[in-house]
Amino acid sequence: MLKKIYDAIFITYENIIDLHECADLLYNQGKINRSYTLYHFSFEEGGRLFLLLKVFFKYFHFIFYCFY
């Protein structure tokens, strides 16, 4: 379970970076509306990252105190 959460954190982080880079490219090409959409999606992915980190640390805390 911990490995799946850990993997999801890094996949989400990579997705944030990709969305933001694509948004930058579109913005530089003058496609403001499309870039705004991708910036917004990257912001939402940031929220998902926060939730995944919260679950990761709660799970880690639970495992640590149950077995030690």
C-alpha atoms as a PDB file:
ATOM      1  CA  MET A   1       0.000   0.000   0.000  1.00  0.00           C
ATOM      2  CA  LEU A   2       2.776   2.390   0.922  1.00  0.00           C
ATOM      3  CA  LYS A   3       4.534   1.721  -2.398  1.00  0.00           C
ATOM      4  CA  LYS A   4       1.364   2.547  -4.367  1.00  0.00           C
ATOM      5  CA  ILE A   5       0.925   5.844  -2.522  1.00  0.00           C
ATOM      6  CA  TYR A   6       4.602   6.644  -3.012  1.00  0.00           C
ATOM      7  CA  ASP A   7       4.355   5.950  -6.752  1.00  0.00           C
ATOM      8  CA  ALA A   8       1.181   8.022  -7.058  1.00  0.00           C
ATOM      9  CA  ILE A   9       2.931  10.978  -5.415  1.00  0.00           C
ATOM     10  CA  PHE A  10       5.733  10.977  -7.981  1.00  0.00           C
ATOM     11  CA  ILE A  11       3.413  10.389 -10.938  1.00  0.00           C
ATOM     12  CA  THR A  12       1.256  13.293  -9.797  1.00  0.00           C
ATOM     13  CA  TYR A  13       4.320  15.520  -9.386  1.00  0.00           C
ATOM     14  CA  GLU A  14       5.521  14.672 -12.901  1.00  0.00           C
ATOM     15  CA  ASN A  15       2.039  15.414 -14.239  1.00  0.00           C
ATOM     16  CA  ILE A  16       2.079  18.831 -12.538  1.00  0.00           C
ATOM     17  CA  ILE A  17       5.406  19.675 -14.163  1.00  0.00           C
ATOM     18  CA  ASP A  18       4.256  18.484 -17.610  1.00  0.00           C
ATOM     19  CA  LEU A  19       0.994  20.431 -17.455  1.00  0.00           C
ATOM     20  CA  HIS A  20       2.789  23.580 -16.354  1.00  0.00           C
ATOM     21  CA  GLU A  21       5.410  23.302 -19.104  1.00  0.00           C
ATOM     22  CA  CYS A  22       2.721  22.776 -21.749  1.00  0.00           C
ATOM     23  CA  ALA A  23       0.822  25.760 -20.390  1.00  0.00           C
ATOM     24  CA  ASP A  24       3.979  27.880 -20.634  1.00  0.00           C
ATOM     25  CA  LEU A  25       4.464  26.840 -24.267  1.00  0.00           C
ATOM     26  CA  LEU A  26       0.869  27.699 -25.144  1.00  0.00           C
ATOM     27  CA  TYR A  27       1.104  31.024 -23.331  1.00  0.00           C
ATOM     28  CA  ASN A  28       4.255  31.950 -25.245  1.00  0.00           C
ATOM     29  CA  GLN A  29       2.443  31.131 -28.505  1.00  0.00           C
ATOM     30  CA  GLY A  30      -0.358  33.517 -27.566  1.00  0.00           C
ATOM     31  CA  LYS A  31      -2.966  30.877 -26.787  1.00  0.00           C
ATOM     32  CA  ILE A  32      -3.962  32.392 -23.468  1.00  0.00           C
ATOM     33  CA  ASN A  33      -7.270  30.559 -22.935  1.00  0.00           C
ATOM     34  CA  ARG A  34      -5.793  27.111 -23.503  1.00  0.00           C
ATOM     35  CA  SER A  35      -2.791  27.888 -21.339  1.00  0.00           C
ATOM     36  CA  TYR A  36      -5.087  29.057 -18.539  1.00  0.00           C
ATOM     37  CA  THR A  37      -6.886  25.708 -18.668  1.00  0.00           C
ATOM     38  CA  LEU A  38      -3.637  23.773 -18.325  1.00  0.00           C
ATOM     39  CA  TYR A  39      -2.440  26.073 -15.527  1.00  0.00           C
ATOM     40  CA  HIS A  40      -5.718  25.374 -13.761  1.00  0.00           C
ATOM     41  CA  PHE A  41      -5.313  21.601 -14.232  1.00  0.00           C
ATOM     42  CA  SER A  42      -1.778  21.764 -12.844  1.00  0.00           C
ATOM     43  CA  PHE A  43      -3.116  23.644  -9.825  1.00  0.00           C
ATOM     44  CA  GLU A  44      -5.723  20.907  -9.278  1.00  0.00           C
ATOM     45  CA  GLU A  45      -3.003  18.276  -9.516  1.00  0.00           C
ATOM     46  CA  GLY A  46      -1.176  20.197  -6.793  1.00  0.00           C
ATOM     47  CA  GLY A  47      -4.209  19.702  -4.584  1.00  0.00           C
ATOM     48  CA  ARG A  48      -4.126  15.991  -5.333  1.00  0.00           C
ATOM     49  CA  LEU A  49      -0.431  15.929  -4.453  1.00  0.00           C
ATOM     50  CA  PHE A  50      -1.193  17.511  -1.089  1.00  0.00           C
ATOM     51  CA  LEU A  51      -3.887  14.897  -0.389  1.00  0.00           C
ATOM     52  CA  LEU A  52      -1.585  12.039  -1.376  1.00  0.00           C
ATOM     53  CA  LEU A  53       1.169  13.356   0.878  1.00  0.00           C
ATOM     54  CA  LYS A  54      -1.293  13.627   3.737  1.00  0.00           C
ATOM     55  CA  VAL A  55      -2.407  10.011   3.236  1.00  0.00           C
ATOM     56  CA  PHE A  56       1.221   8.886   2.913  1.00  0.00           C
ATOM     57  CA  PHE A  57       2.268  10.452   6.205  1.00  0.00           C
ATOM     58  CA  LYS A  58      -0.832   9.239   8.048  1.00  0.00           C
ATOM     59  CA  TYR A  59      -0.252   5.704   6.784  1.00  0.00           C
ATOM     60  CA  PHE A  60       3.447   5.883   7.614  1.00  0.00           C
ATOM     61  CA  HIS A  61       2.638   7.215  11.096  1.00  0.00           C
ATOM     62  CA  PHE A  62       0.130   4.388  11.642  1.00  0.00           C
ATOM     63  CA  ILE A  63       2.599   1.701  10.525  1.00  0.00           C
ATOM     64  CA  PHE A  64       5.431   3.179  12.574  1.00  0.00           C
ATOM     65  CA  TYR A  65       3.467   3.297  15.826  1.00  0.00           C
ATOM     66  CA  CYS A  66       1.783  -0.090  15.365  1.00  0.00           C
ATOM     67  CA  PHE A  67       4.999  -2.014  14.894  1.00  0.00           C
ATOM     68  CA  TYR A  68       7.504  -0.076  16.998  1.00  0.00           C
END
